[in-house]
PDB file of N, CA and C in Angstrom:
ATOM      1  N   UNK A   1     -12.543  21.280  13.943  1.00  0.00           N
ATOM      2  CA  UNK A   1     -11.995  21.708  12.677  1.00  0.00           C
ATOM      3  C   UNK A   1     -10.653  21.016  12.450  1.00  0.00           C
ATOM      4  N   UNK A   2     -10.505  20.391  11.317  1.00  0.00           N
ATOM      5  CA  UNK A   2      -9.269  19.705  10.970  1.00  0.00           C
ATOM      6  C   UNK A   2      -8.393  20.655  10.158  1.00  0.00           C
ATOM      7  N   UNK A   3      -7.184  20.913  10.661  1.00  0.00           N
ATOM      8  CA  UNK A   3      -6.296  21.825   9.947  1.00  0.00           C
ATOM      9  C   UNK A   3      -5.388  21.103   8.958  1.00  0.00           C
ATOM     10  N   UNK A   4      -5.186  19.792   9.175  1.00  0.00           N
ATOM     11  CA  UNK A   4      -4.348  19.011   8.271  1.00  0.00           C
ATOM     12  C   UNK A   4      -4.673  17.533   8.473  1.00  0.00           C
ATOM     13  N   UNK A   5      -4.373  16.735   7.448  1.00  0.00           N
ATOM     14  CA  UNK A   5      -4.641  15.311   7.561  1.00  0.00           C
ATOM     15  C   UNK A   5      -3.560  14.530   6.833  1.00  0.00           C
ATOM     16  N   UNK A   6      -3.098  13.452   7.448  1.00  0.00           N
ATOM     17  CA  UNK A   6      -2.140  12.532   6.854  1.00  0.00           C
ATOM     18  C   UNK A   6      -2.737  11.145   7.032  1.00  0.00           C
ATOM     19  N   UNK A   7      -3.425  10.653   6.004  1.00  0.00           N
ATOM     20  CA  UNK A   7      -4.126   9.379   6.100  1.00  0.00           C
ATOM     21  C   UNK A   7      -4.074   8.671   4.754  1.00  0.00           C
ATOM     22  N   UNK A   8      -3.820   7.368   4.795  1.00  0.00           N
ATOM     23  CA  UNK A   8      -3.765   6.571   3.573  1.00  0.00           C
ATOM     24  C   UNK A   8      -4.501   5.255   3.807  1.00  0.00           C
ATOM     25  N   UNK A   9      -5.187   4.779   2.773  1.00  0.00           N
ATOM     26  CA  UNK A   9      -5.872   3.491   2.805  1.00  0.00           C
ATOM     27  C   UNK A   9      -5.396   2.692   1.599  1.00  0.00           C
ATOM     28  N   UNK A  10      -4.971   1.461   1.841  1.00  0.00           N
ATOM     29  CA  UNK A  10      -4.453   0.605   0.779  1.00  0.00           C
ATOM     30  C   UNK A  10      -5.123  -0.760   0.844  1.00  0.00           C
ATOM     31  N   UNK A  11      -5.395  -1.329  -0.313  1.00  0.00           N
ATOM     32  CA  UNK A  11      -5.903  -2.694  -0.426  1.00  0.00           C
ATOM     33  C   UNK A  11      -4.990  -3.402  -1.407  1.00  0.00           C
ATOM     34  N   UNK A  12      -4.330  -4.455  -0.945  1.00  0.00           N
ATOM     35  CA  UNK A  12      -3.388  -5.128  -1.827  1.00  0.00           C
ATOM     36  C   UNK A  12      -2.982  -6.477  -1.283  1.00  0.00           C
ATOM     37  N   UNK A  13      -1.916  -6.999  -1.856  1.00  0.00           N
ATOM     38  CA  UNK A  13      -1.409  -8.320  -1.465  1.00  0.00           C
ATOM     39  C   UNK A  13      -0.038  -8.179  -0.810  1.00  0.00           C
ATOM     40  N   UNK A  14       0.168  -8.974   0.240  1.00  0.00           N
ATOM     41  CA  UNK A  14       1.410  -8.958   0.996  1.00  0.00           C
ATOM     42  C   UNK A  14       2.509  -9.609   0.163  1.00  0.00           C
ATOM     43  N   UNK A  15       3.661  -8.955   0.070  1.00  0.00           N
ATOM     44  CA  UNK A  15       4.751  -9.428  -0.766  1.00  0.00           C
ATOM     45  C   UNK A  15       5.738 -10.343  -0.068  1.00  0.00           C
ATOM     46  N   UNK A  16       5.753 -10.311   1.250  1.00  0.00           N
ATOM     47  CA  UNK A  16       6.675 -11.158   2.015  1.00  0.00           C
ATOM     48  C   UNK A  16       6.055 -11.403   3.386  1.00  0.00           C
ATOM     49  N   UNK A  17       6.410 -12.520   4.014  1.00  0.00           N
ATOM     50  CA  UNK A  17       5.940 -12.751   5.372  1.00  0.00           C
ATOM     51  C   UNK A  17       6.471 -11.618   6.262  1.00  0.00           C
ATOM     52  N   UNK A  18       5.635 -11.105   7.161  1.00  0.00           N
ATOM     53  CA  UNK A  18       6.087 -10.022   8.039  1.00  0.00           C
ATOM     54  C   UNK A  18       7.261 -10.460   8.913  1.00  0.00           C
ATOM     55  N   UNK A  19       8.124  -9.501   9.214  1.00  0.00           N
ATOM     56  CA  UNK A  19       9.223  -9.735  10.149  1.00  0.00           C
ATOM     57  C   UNK A  19       9.057  -8.768  11.311  1.00  0.00           C
ATOM     58  N   UNK A  20       9.539  -9.168  12.485  1.00  0.00           N
ATOM     59  CA  UNK A  20       9.493  -8.280  13.639  1.00  0.00           C
ATOM     60  C   UNK A  20      10.923  -7.885  13.976  1.00  0.00           C
ATOM     61  N   UNK A  21      11.113  -6.582  14.138  1.00  0.00           N
ATOM     62  CA  UNK A  21      12.432  -6.047  14.476  1.00  0.00           C
ATOM     63  C   UNK A  21      12.337  -5.251  15.766  1.00  0.00           C
ATOM     64  N   UNK A  22      13.436  -5.274  16.508  1.00  0.00           N
ATOM     65  CA  UNK A  22      13.503  -4.443  17.704  1.00  0.00           C
ATOM     66  C   UNK A  22      14.882  -3.827  17.787  1.00  0.00           C
ATOM     67  N   UNK A  23      14.891  -2.500  17.812  1.00  0.00           N
ATOM     68  CA  UNK A  23      16.129  -1.761  17.991  1.00  0.00           C
ATOM     69  C   UNK A  23      16.287  -1.529  19.488  1.00  0.00           C
ATOM     70  N   UNK A  24      17.489  -1.662  19.971  1.00  0.00           N
ATOM     71  CA  UNK A  24      17.744  -1.526  21.407  1.00  0.00           C
ATOM     72  C   UNK A  24      17.157  -0.227  21.968  1.00  0.00           C
ATOM     73  N   UNK A  25      16.388  -0.369  23.017  1.00  0.00           N
ATOM     74  CA  UNK A  25      15.788   0.789  23.672  1.00  0.00           C
ATOM     75  C   UNK A  25      14.501   1.269  23.035  1.00  0.00           C
ATOM     76  N   UNK A  26      14.014   0.597  21.991  1.00  0.00           N
ATOM     77  CA  UNK A  26      12.785   1.004  21.325  1.00  0.00           C
ATOM     78  C   UNK A  26      11.811  -0.162  21.286  1.00  0.00           C
ATOM     79  N   UNK A  27      10.540   0.161  21.054  1.00  0.00           N
ATOM     80  CA  UNK A  27       9.517  -0.873  20.946  1.00  0.00           C
ATOM     81  C   UNK A  27       9.692  -1.669  19.658  1.00  0.00           C
ATOM     82  N   UNK A  28       9.295  -2.951  19.660  1.00  0.00           N
ATOM     83  CA  UNK A  28       9.392  -3.733  18.425  1.00  0.00           C
ATOM     84  C   UNK A  28       8.433  -3.211  17.354  1.00  0.00           C
ATOM     85  N   UNK A  29       8.720  -3.558  16.107  1.00  0.00           N
ATOM     86  CA  UNK A  29       7.894  -3.152  14.980  1.00  0.00           C
ATOM     87  C   UNK A  29       7.772  -4.340  14.030  1.00  0.00           C
ATOM     88  N   UNK A  30       6.578  -4.547  13.477  1.00  0.00           N
ATOM     89  CA  UNK A  30       6.377  -5.565  12.450  1.00  0.00           C
ATOM     90  C   UNK A  30       6.394  -4.860  11.102  1.00  0.00           C
ATOM     91  N   UNK A  31       7.163  -5.417  10.159  1.00  0.00           N
ATOM     92  CA  UNK A  31       7.374  -4.794   8.851  1.00  0.00           C
ATOM     93  C   UNK A  31       7.034  -5.797   7.751  1.00  0.00           C
ATOM     94  N   UNK A  32       6.356  -5.308   6.728  1.00  0.00           N
ATOM     95  CA  UNK A  32       6.104  -6.135   5.541  1.00  0.00           C
ATOM     96  C   UNK A  32       5.882  -5.226   4.341  1.00  0.00           C
ATOM     97  N   UNK A  33       5.907  -5.821   3.145  1.00  0.00           N
ATOM     98  CA  UNK A  33       5.650  -5.053   1.927  1.00  0.00           C
ATOM     99  C   UNK A  33       4.261  -5.397   1.409  1.00  0.00           C
ATOM    100  N   UNK A  34       3.632  -4.420   0.774  1.00  0.00           N
ATOM    101  CA  UNK A  34       2.282  -4.581   0.237  1.00  0.00           C
ATOM    102  C   UNK A  34       2.275  -4.071  -1.195  1.00  0.00           C
ATOM    103  N   UNK A  35       1.731  -4.876  -2.108  1.00  0.00           N
ATOM    104  CA  UNK A  35       1.635  -4.488  -3.519  1.00  0.00           C
ATOM    105  C   UNK A  35       0.216  -4.039  -3.825  1.00  0.00           C
ATOM    106  N   UNK A  36       0.082  -2.870  -4.439  1.00  0.00           N
ATOM    107  CA  UNK A  36      -1.215  -2.411  -4.933  1.00  0.00           C
ATOM    108  C   UNK A  36      -1.120  -2.321  -6.450  1.00  0.00           C
ATOM    109  N   UNK A  37      -2.233  -2.590  -7.114  1.00  0.00           N
ATOM    110  CA  UNK A  37      -2.268  -2.576  -8.575  1.00  0.00           C
ATOM    111  C   UNK A  37      -3.253  -1.547  -9.075  1.00  0.00           C
ATOM    112  N   UNK A  38      -2.854  -0.853 -10.118  1.00  0.00           N
ATOM    113  CA  UNK A  38      -3.713   0.084 -10.848  1.00  0.00           C
ATOM    114  C   UNK A  38      -3.897  -0.490 -12.235  1.00  0.00           C
ATOM    115  N   UNK A  39      -5.127  -0.532 -12.716  1.00  0.00           N
ATOM    116  CA  UNK A  39      -5.373  -1.019 -14.069  1.00  0.00           C
ATOM    117  C   UNK A  39      -6.166   0.024 -14.837  1.00  0.00           C
ATOM    118  N   UNK A  40      -5.839   0.169 -16.123  1.00  0.00           N
ATOM    119  CA  UNK A  40      -6.560   1.088 -16.978  1.00  0.00           C
ATOM    120  C   UNK A  40      -6.460   0.596 -18.417  1.00  0.00           C
ATOM    121  N   UNK A  41      -7.352   1.106 -19.218  1.00  0.00           N
ATOM    122  CA  UNK A  41      -7.341   0.774 -20.648  1.00  0.00           C
ATOM    123  C   UNK A  41      -6.743   1.936 -21.415  1.00  0.00           C
ATOM    124  N   UNK A  42      -5.926   1.599 -22.380  1.00  0.00           N
ATOM    125  CA  UNK A  42      -5.395   2.615 -23.282  1.00  0.00           C
ATOM    126  C   UNK A  42      -6.211   2.565 -24.560  1.00  0.00           C
ATOM    127  N   UNK A  43      -6.418   3.661 -25.155  1.00  0.00           N
ATOM    128  CA  UNK A  43      -7.190   3.690 -26.394  1.00  0.00           C
ATOM    129  C   UNK A  43      -8.438   4.531 -26.257  1.00  0.00           C
ATOM    130  N   UNK A  44      -9.339   4.377 -27.210  1.00  0.00           N
ATOM    131  CA  UNK A  44     -10.540   5.199 -27.296  1.00  0.00           C
ATOM    132  C   UNK A  44     -11.696   4.575 -26.533  1.00  0.00           C
ATOM    133  N   UNK A  45     -12.642   5.414 -26.163  1.00  0.00           N
ATOM    134  CA  UNK A  45     -13.878   4.965 -25.520  1.00  0.00           C
ATOM    135  C   UNK A  45     -15.050   5.285 -26.419  1.00  0.00           C
ATOM    136  N   UNK A  46     -16.042   4.415 -26.404  1.00  0.00           N
ATOM    137  CA  UNK A  46     -17.289   4.661 -27.128  1.00  0.00           C
ATOM    138  C   UNK A  46     -18.407   4.751 -26.109  1.00  0.00           C
ATOM    139  N   UNK A  47     -19.207   5.781 -26.197  1.00  0.00           N
ATOM    140  CA  UNK A  47     -20.350   5.928 -25.298  1.00  0.00           C
ATOM    141  C   UNK A  47     -21.604   5.741 -26.128  1.00  0.00           C
ATOM    142  N   UNK A  48     -22.446   4.800 -25.711  1.00  0.00           N
ATOM    143  CA  UNK A  48     -23.672   4.522 -26.448  1.00  0.00           C
ATOM    144  C   UNK A  48     -24.872   4.648 -25.532  1.00  0.00           C
ATOM    145  N   UNK A  49     -26.020   4.891 -26.116  1.00  0.00           N
ATOM    146  CA  UNK A  49     -27.240   5.012 -25.324  1.00  0.00           C
ATOM    147  C   UNK A  49     -28.161   3.865 -25.700  1.00  0.00           C
ATOM    148  N   UNK A  50     -28.519   3.084 -24.686  1.00  0.00           N
ATOM    149  CA  UNK A  50     -29.414   1.956 -24.913  1.00  0.00           C
ATOM    150  C   UNK A  50     -30.848   2.338 -24.609  1.00  0.00           C
ATOM    151  N   UNK A  51     -31.714   1.342 -24.569  1.00  0.00           N
ATOM    152  CA  UNK A  51     -33.118   1.588 -24.245  1.00  0.00           C
ATOM    153  C   UNK A  51     -33.290   2.122 -22.835  1.00  0.00           C
ATOM    154  N   UNK A  52     -34.342   2.879 -22.613  1.00  0.00           N
ATOM    155  CA  UNK A  52     -34.663   3.469 -21.308  1.00  0.00           C
ATOM    156  C   UNK A  52     -33.535   4.367 -20.786  1.00  0.00           C
ATOM    157  N   UNK A  53     -32.833   5.026 -21.670  1.00  0.00           N
ATOM    158  CA  UNK A  53     -31.780   5.989 -21.321  1.00  0.00           C
ATOM    159  C   UNK A  53     -30.640   5.385 -20.508  1.00  0.00           C
ATOM    160  N   UNK A  54     -30.330   4.120 -20.708  1.00  0.00           N
ATOM    161  CA  UNK A  54     -29.190   3.497 -20.040  1.00  0.00           C
ATOM    162  C   UNK A  54     -27.953   3.775 -20.880  1.00  0.00           C
ATOM    163  N   UNK A  55     -26.941   4.338 -20.256  1.00  0.00           N
ATOM    164  CA  UNK A  55     -25.712   4.664 -20.970  1.00  0.00           C
ATOM    165  C   UNK A  55     -24.687   3.583 -20.688  1.00  0.00           C
ATOM    166  N   UNK A  56     -24.054   3.086 -21.730  1.00  0.00           N
ATOM    167  CA  UNK A  56     -23.003   2.091 -21.564  1.00  0.00           C
ATOM    168  C   UNK A  56     -21.710   2.644 -22.138  1.00  0.00           C
ATOM    169  N   UNK A  57     -20.617   2.301 -21.503  1.00  0.00           N
ATOM    170  CA  UNK A  57     -19.301   2.753 -21.960  1.00  0.00           C
ATOM    171  C   UNK A  57     -18.511   1.519 -22.351  1.00  0.00           C
ATOM    172  N   UNK A  58     -18.016   1.509 -23.569  1.00  0.00           N
ATOM    173  CA  UNK A  58     -17.176   0.428 -24.064  1.00  0.00           C
ATOM    174  C   UNK A  58     -15.806   1.019 -24.356  1.00  0.00           C
ATOM    175  N   UNK A  59     -14.795   0.469 -23.715  1.00  0.00           N
ATOM    176  CA  UNK A  59     -13.445   0.978 -23.926  1.00  0.00           C
ATOM    177  C   UNK A  59     -12.700   0.027 -24.849  1.00  0.00           C
ATOM    178  N   UNK A  60     -12.111   0.591 -25.873  1.00  0.00           N
ATOM    179  CA  UNK A  60     -11.315  -0.178 -26.805  1.00  0.00           C
ATOM    180  C   UNK A  60      -9.848   0.017 -26.458  1.00  0.00           C
ATOM    181  N   UNK A  61      -9.047  -0.978 -26.701  1.00  0.00           N
ATOM    182  CA  UNK A  61      -7.617  -0.835 -26.455  1.00  0.00           C
ATOM    183  C   UNK A  61      -7.111  -1.885 -25.496  1.00  0.00           C
ATOM    184  N   UNK A  62      -5.845  -1.760 -25.167  1.00  0.00           N
ATOM    185  CA  UNK A  62      -5.188  -2.734 -24.300  1.00  0.00           C
ATOM    186  C   UNK A  62      -5.332  -2.347 -22.839  1.00  0.00           C
ATOM    187  N   UNK A  63      -5.292  -3.350 -21.975  1.00  0.00           N
ATOM    188  CA  UNK A  63      -5.316  -3.112 -20.532  1.00  0.00           C
ATOM    189  C   UNK A  63      -3.875  -2.959 -20.058  1.00  0.00           C
ATOM    190  N   UNK A  64      -3.611  -1.891 -19.332  1.00  0.00           N
ATOM    191  CA  UNK A  64      -2.294  -1.659 -18.745  1.00  0.00           C
ATOM    192  C   UNK A  64      -2.404  -1.794 -17.237  1.00  0.00           C
ATOM    193  N   UNK A  65      -1.309  -2.165 -16.612  1.00  0.00           N
ATOM    194  CA  UNK A  65      -1.309  -2.352 -15.169  1.00  0.00           C
ATOM    195  C   UNK A  65      -0.016  -1.809 -14.585  1.00  0.00           C
ATOM    196  N   UNK A  66      -0.132  -1.191 -13.416  1.00  0.00           N
ATOM    197  CA  UNK A  66       1.040  -0.696 -12.696  1.00  0.00           C
ATOM    198  C   UNK A  66       0.972  -1.238 -11.274  1.00  0.00           C
ATOM    199  N   UNK A  67       2.059  -1.842 -10.814  1.00  0.00           N
ATOM    200  CA  UNK A  67       2.154  -2.337  -9.441  1.00  0.00           C
ATOM    201  C   UNK A  67       3.040  -1.389  -8.651  1.00  0.00           C
ATOM    202  N   UNK A  68       2.559  -0.980  -7.477  1.00  0.00           N
ATOM    203  CA  UNK A  68       3.327  -0.124  -6.586  1.00  0.00           C
ATOM    204  C   UNK A  68       3.554  -0.883  -5.280  1.00  0.00           C
ATOM    205  N   UNK A  69       4.796  -0.885  -4.819  1.00  0.00           N
ATOM    206  CA  UNK A  69       5.138  -1.564  -3.566  1.00  0.00           C
ATOM    207  C   UNK A  69       5.221  -0.541  -2.435  1.00  0.00           C
ATOM    208  N   UNK A  70       4.636  -0.898  -1.299  1.00  0.00           N
ATOM    209  CA  UNK A  70       4.600  -0.035  -0.121  1.00  0.00           C
ATOM    210  C   UNK A  70       5.249  -0.769   1.050  1.00  0.00           C
ATOM    211  N   UNK A  71       6.021  -0.043   1.831  1.00  0.00           N
ATOM    212  CA  UNK A  71       6.615  -0.596   3.048  1.00  0.00           C
ATOM    213  C   UNK A  71       5.671  -0.253   4.193  1.00  0.00           C
ATOM    214  N   UNK A  72       5.208  -1.269   4.920  1.00  0.00           N
ATOM    215  CA  UNK A  72       4.255  -1.087   6.008  1.00  0.00           C
ATOM    216  C   UNK A  72       4.959  -1.387   7.326  1.00  0.00           C
ATOM    217  N   UNK A  73       4.812  -0.489   8.309  1.00  0.00           N
ATOM    218  CA  UNK A  73       5.348  -0.690   9.658  1.00  0.00           C
ATOM    219  C   UNK A  73       4.209  -0.611  10.655  1.00  0.00           C
ATOM    220  N   UNK A  74       4.138  -1.623  11.531  1.00  0.00           N
ATOM    221  CA  UNK A  74       3.064  -1.691  12.533  1.00  0.00           C
ATOM    222  C   UNK A  74       3.705  -1.622  13.915  1.00  0.00           C
ATOM    223  N   UNK A  75       3.400  -0.549  14.665  1.00  0.00           N
ATOM    224  CA  UNK A  75       3.989  -0.329  15.980  1.00  0.00           C
ATOM    225  C   UNK A  75       3.046  -0.668  17.133  1.00  0.00           C
ATOM    226  N   UNK A  76       1.720  -0.505  16.929  1.00  0.00           N
ATOM    227  CA  UNK A  76       0.766  -0.716  18.027  1.00  0.00           C
ATOM    228  C   UNK A  76       0.832  -2.162  18.502  1.00  0.00           C
ATOM    229  N   UNK A  77       1.035  -2.380  19.828  1.00  0.00           N
ATOM    230  CA  UNK A  77       1.293  -3.729  20.351  1.00  0.00           C
ATOM    231  C   UNK A  77       0.303  -4.810  19.910  1.00  0.00           C
ATOM    232  N   UNK A  78      -0.989  -4.627  20.064  1.00  0.00           N
ATOM    233  CA  UNK A  78      -1.942  -5.675  19.684  1.00  0.00           C
ATOM    234  C   UNK A  78      -1.929  -5.950  18.197  1.00  0.00           C
ATOM    235  N   UNK A  79      -2.009  -4.905  17.392  1.00  0.00           N
ATOM    236  CA  UNK A  79      -2.028  -5.040  15.945  1.00  0.00           C
ATOM    237  C   UNK A  79      -0.693  -5.566  15.422  1.00  0.00           C
ATOM    238  N   UNK A  80       0.388  -5.114  16.004  1.00  0.00           N
ATOM    239  CA  UNK A  80       1.729  -5.556  15.604  1.00  0.00           C
ATOM    240  C   UNK A  80       1.865  -7.073  15.766  1.00  0.00           C
ATOM    241  N   UNK A  81       1.411  -7.608  16.896  1.00  0.00           N
ATOM    242  CA  UNK A  81       1.557  -9.036  17.181  1.00  0.00           C
ATOM    243  C   UNK A  81       0.638  -9.886  16.310  1.00  0.00           C
ATOM    244  N   UNK A  82      -0.605  -9.422  16.099  1.00  0.00           N
ATOM    245  CA  UNK A  82      -1.550 -10.153  15.244  1.00  0.00           C
ATOM    246  C   UNK A  82      -1.049 -10.163  13.803  1.00  0.00           C
ATOM    247  N   UNK A  83      -0.518  -9.035  13.352  1.00  0.00           N
ATOM    248  CA  UNK A  83       0.024  -8.955  11.995  1.00  0.00           C
ATOM    249  C   UNK A  83       1.165  -9.944  11.824  1.00  0.00           C
ATOM    250  N   UNK A  84       2.077  -9.978  12.767  1.00  0.00           N
ATOM    251  CA  UNK A  84       3.227 -10.874  12.693  1.00  0.00           C
ATOM    252  C   UNK A  84       2.793 -12.342  12.702  1.00  0.00           C
ATOM    253  N   UNK A  85       1.774 -12.650  13.510  1.00  0.00           N
ATOM    254  CA  UNK A  85       1.354 -14.037  13.687  1.00  0.00           C
ATOM    255  C   UNK A  85       0.499 -14.569  12.531  1.00  0.00           C
ATOM    256  N   UNK A  86      -0.392 -13.732  11.956  1.00  0.00           N
ATOM    257  CA  UNK A  86      -1.382 -14.251  11.014  1.00  0.00           C
ATOM    258  C   UNK A  86      -1.237 -13.809   9.563  1.00  0.00           C
ATOM    259  N   UNK A  87      -0.616 -12.692   9.299  1.00  0.00           N
ATOM    260  CA  UNK A  87      -0.492 -12.211   7.918  1.00  0.00           C
ATOM    261  C   UNK A  87       0.630 -12.973   7.228  1.00  0.00           C
ATOM    262  N   UNK A  88       0.383 -13.418   6.008  1.00  0.00           N
ATOM    263  CA  UNK A  88       1.367 -14.181   5.250  1.00  0.00           C
ATOM    264  C   UNK A  88       1.491 -13.658   3.834  1.00  0.00           C
ATOM    265  N   UNK A  89       2.599 -13.998   3.192  1.00  0.00           N
ATOM    266  CA  UNK A  89       2.830 -13.638   1.797  1.00  0.00           C
ATOM    267  C   UNK A  89       1.638 -14.080   0.957  1.00  0.00           C
ATOM    268  N   UNK A  90       1.134 -13.160   0.124  1.00  0.00           N
ATOM    269  CA  UNK A  90      -0.003 -13.460  -0.739  1.00  0.00           C
ATOM    270  C   UNK A  90      -1.345 -13.088  -0.154  1.00  0.00           C
ATOM    271  N   UNK A  91      -1.404 -12.831   1.165  1.00  0.00           N
ATOM    272  CA  UNK A  91      -2.669 -12.438   1.807  1.00  0.00           C
ATOM    273  C   UNK A  91      -3.157 -11.126   1.214  1.00  0.00           C
ATOM    274  N   UNK A  92      -4.459 -11.032   1.001  1.00  0.00           N
ATOM    275  CA  UNK A  92      -5.059  -9.774   0.535  1.00  0.00           C
ATOM    276  C   UNK A  92      -5.556  -9.041   1.770  1.00  0.00           C
ATOM    277  N   UNK A  93      -5.017  -7.867   2.028  1.00  0.00           N
ATOM    278  CA  UNK A  93      -5.378  -7.141   3.243  1.00  0.00           C
ATOM    279  C   UNK A  93      -5.618  -5.658   2.961  1.00  0.00           C
ATOM    280  N   UNK A  94      -6.355  -5.050   3.878  1.00  0.00           N
ATOM    281  CA  UNK A  94      -6.621  -3.617   3.876  1.00  0.00           C
ATOM    282  C   UNK A  94      -5.761  -2.996   4.962  1.00  0.00           C
ATOM    283  N   UNK A  95      -5.052  -1.925   4.620  1.00  0.00           N
ATOM    284  CA  UNK A  95      -4.183  -1.228   5.569  1.00  0.00           C
ATOM    285  C   UNK A  95      -4.601   0.226   5.628  1.00  0.00           C
ATOM    286  N   UNK A  96      -4.732   0.751   6.833  1.00  0.00           N
ATOM    287  CA  UNK A  96      -5.008   2.162   7.022  1.00  0.00           C
ATOM    288  C   UNK A  96      -3.944   2.724   7.946  1.00  0.00           C
ATOM    289  N   UNK A  97      -3.405   3.877   7.568  1.00  0.00           N
ATOM    290  CA  UNK A  97      -2.363   4.470   8.387  1.00  0.00           C
ATOM    291  C   UNK A  97      -1.995   5.849   7.896  1.00  0.00           C
ATOM    292  N   UNK A  98      -0.747   6.243   8.184  1.00  0.00           N
ATOM    293  CA  UNK A  98      -0.256   7.552   7.755  1.00  0.00           C
ATOM    294  C   UNK A  98       1.063   7.372   7.023  1.00  0.00           C
ATOM    295  N   UNK A  99       1.378   8.328   6.170  1.00  0.00           N
ATOM    296  CA  UNK A  99       2.624   8.300   5.412  1.00  0.00           C
ATOM    297  C   UNK A  99       3.722   8.958   6.232  1.00  0.00           C
ATOM    298  N   UNK A 100       4.884   8.308   6.264  1.00  0.00           N
ATOM    299  CA  UNK A 100       6.036   8.851   6.972  1.00  0.00           C
ATOM    300  C   UNK A 100       7.223   8.875   6.010  1.00  0.00           C
ATOM    301  N   UNK A 101       7.855  10.026   5.899  1.00  0.00           N
ATOM    302  CA  UNK A 101       9.035  10.174   5.062  1.00  0.00           C
ATOM    303  C   UNK A 101      10.247  10.277   5.980  1.00  0.00           C
ATOM    304  N   UNK A 102      11.270   9.497   5.690  1.00  0.00           N
ATOM    305  CA  UNK A 102      12.459   9.516   6.535  1.00  0.00           C
ATOM    306  C   UNK A 102      13.723   9.389   5.710  1.00  0.00           C
ATOM    307  N   UNK A 103      14.842   9.571   6.379  1.00  0.00           N
ATOM    308  CA  UNK A 103      16.153   9.421   5.755  1.00  0.00           C
ATOM    309  C   UNK A 103      17.002   8.506   6.610  1.00  0.00           C
ATOM    310  N   UNK A 104      17.925   7.828   5.945  1.00  0.00           N
ATOM    311  CA  UNK A 104      18.880   6.982   6.655  1.00  0.00           C
ATOM    312  C   UNK A 104      20.175   6.919   5.853  1.00  0.00           C
ATOM    313  N   UNK A 105      21.227   6.463   6.506  1.00  0.00           N
ATOM    314  CA  UNK A 105      22.516   6.282   5.855  1.00  0.00           C
ATOM    315  C   UNK A 105      22.706   4.781   5.630  1.00  0.00           C
ATOM    316  N   UNK A 106      22.911   4.372   4.369  1.00  0.00           N
ATOM    317  CA  UNK A 106      23.059   2.945   4.083  1.00  0.00           C
ATOM    318  C   UNK A 106      24.472   2.469   4.422  1.00  0.00           C
ATOM    319  N   UNK A 107      24.719   1.171   4.197  1.00  0.00           N
ATOM    320  CA  UNK A 107      26.013   0.591   4.570  1.00  0.00           C
ATOM    321  C   UNK A 107      27.179   1.149   3.764  1.00  0.00           C
ATOM    322  N   UNK A 108      26.893   1.787   2.621  1.00  0.00           N
ATOM    323  CA  UNK A 108      27.938   2.422   1.815  1.00  0.00           C
ATOM    324  C   UNK A 108      28.097   3.903   2.137  1.00  0.00           C
ATOM    325  N   UNK A 109      27.475   4.319   3.248  1.00  0.00           N
ATOM    326  CA  UNK A 109      27.547   5.692   3.731  1.00  0.00           C
ATOM    327  C   UNK A 109      26.864   6.678   2.777  1.00  0.00           C
ATOM    328  N   UNK A 110      25.817   6.208   2.080  1.00  0.00           N
ATOM    329  CA  UNK A 110      25.046   7.050   1.174  1.00  0.00           C
ATOM    330  C   UNK A 110      23.711   7.395   1.835  1.00  0.00           C
ATOM    331  N   UNK A 111      23.348   8.664   1.772  1.00  0.00           N
ATOM    332  CA  UNK A 111      22.082   9.103   2.373  1.00  0.00           C
ATOM    333  C   UNK A 111      20.927   8.706   1.474  1.00  0.00           C
ATOM    334  N   UNK A 112      19.938   7.997   2.036  1.00  0.00           N
ATOM    335  CA  UNK A 112      18.790   7.497   1.294  1.00  0.00           C
ATOM    336  C   UNK A 112      17.504   8.029   1.906  1.00  0.00           C
ATOM    337  N   UNK A 113      16.456   8.098   1.076  1.00  0.00           N
ATOM    338  CA  UNK A 113      15.145   8.485   1.556  1.00  0.00           C
ATOM    339  C   UNK A 113      14.239   7.264   1.543  1.00  0.00           C
ATOM    340  N   UNK A 114      13.327   7.195   2.499  1.00  0.00           N
ATOM    341  CA  UNK A 114      12.392   6.056   2.584  1.00  0.00           C
ATOM    342  C   UNK A 114      11.000   6.567   2.882  1.00  0.00           C
ATOM    343  N   UNK A 115      10.026   5.972   2.233  1.00  0.00           N
ATOM    344  CA  UNK A 115       8.623   6.275   2.493  1.00  0.00           C
ATOM    345  C   UNK A 115       8.010   5.037   3.133  1.00  0.00           C
ATOM    346  N   UNK A 116       7.351   5.228   4.260  1.00  0.00           N
ATOM    347  CA  UNK A 116       6.757   4.122   4.998  1.00  0.00           C
ATOM    348  C   UNK A 116       5.328   4.453   5.363  1.00  0.00           C
ATOM    349  N   UNK A 117       4.470   3.454   5.346  1.00  0.00           N
ATOM    350  CA  UNK A 117       3.110   3.603   5.845  1.00  0.00           C
ATOM    351  C   UNK A 117       3.116   3.096   7.285  1.00  0.00           C
ATOM    352  N   UNK A 118       2.756   3.967   8.209  1.00  0.00           N
ATOM    353  CA  UNK A 118       2.667   3.586   9.627  1.00  0.00           C
ATOM    354  C   UNK A 118       1.224   3.177   9.893  1.00  0.00           C
ATOM    355  N   UNK A 119       1.018   1.871  10.133  1.00  0.00           N
ATOM    356  CA  UNK A 119      -0.333   1.340  10.329  1.00  0.00           C
ATOM    357  C   UNK A 119      -0.657   1.245  11.812  1.00  0.00           C
TER     358      UNK A 119
END
């Protein structure tokens, strides 16, 4: 029985070549950004019935698009190294992981929130 689940699946394009970082005393991590796009039509829809009861939907209006950027962190040693070595800006990839919400203090001493996908 599953009491809770934190899982995300993304398909998109890499926005920058991955970088590997290591904080003293911690395991290295590969980090990159991933862009996902949502597209939809604005306006009215027409539903028509063709021969043999085939229904077709024609959407009138303009196509709108929204791009969302995701920060991806890869900690697992094998996957982390392969990601760093082979993934490049513009690559279309599938990412599966969990959402992590965190806070940090920036260089101006301001508390910031960050959302990261842990792959």
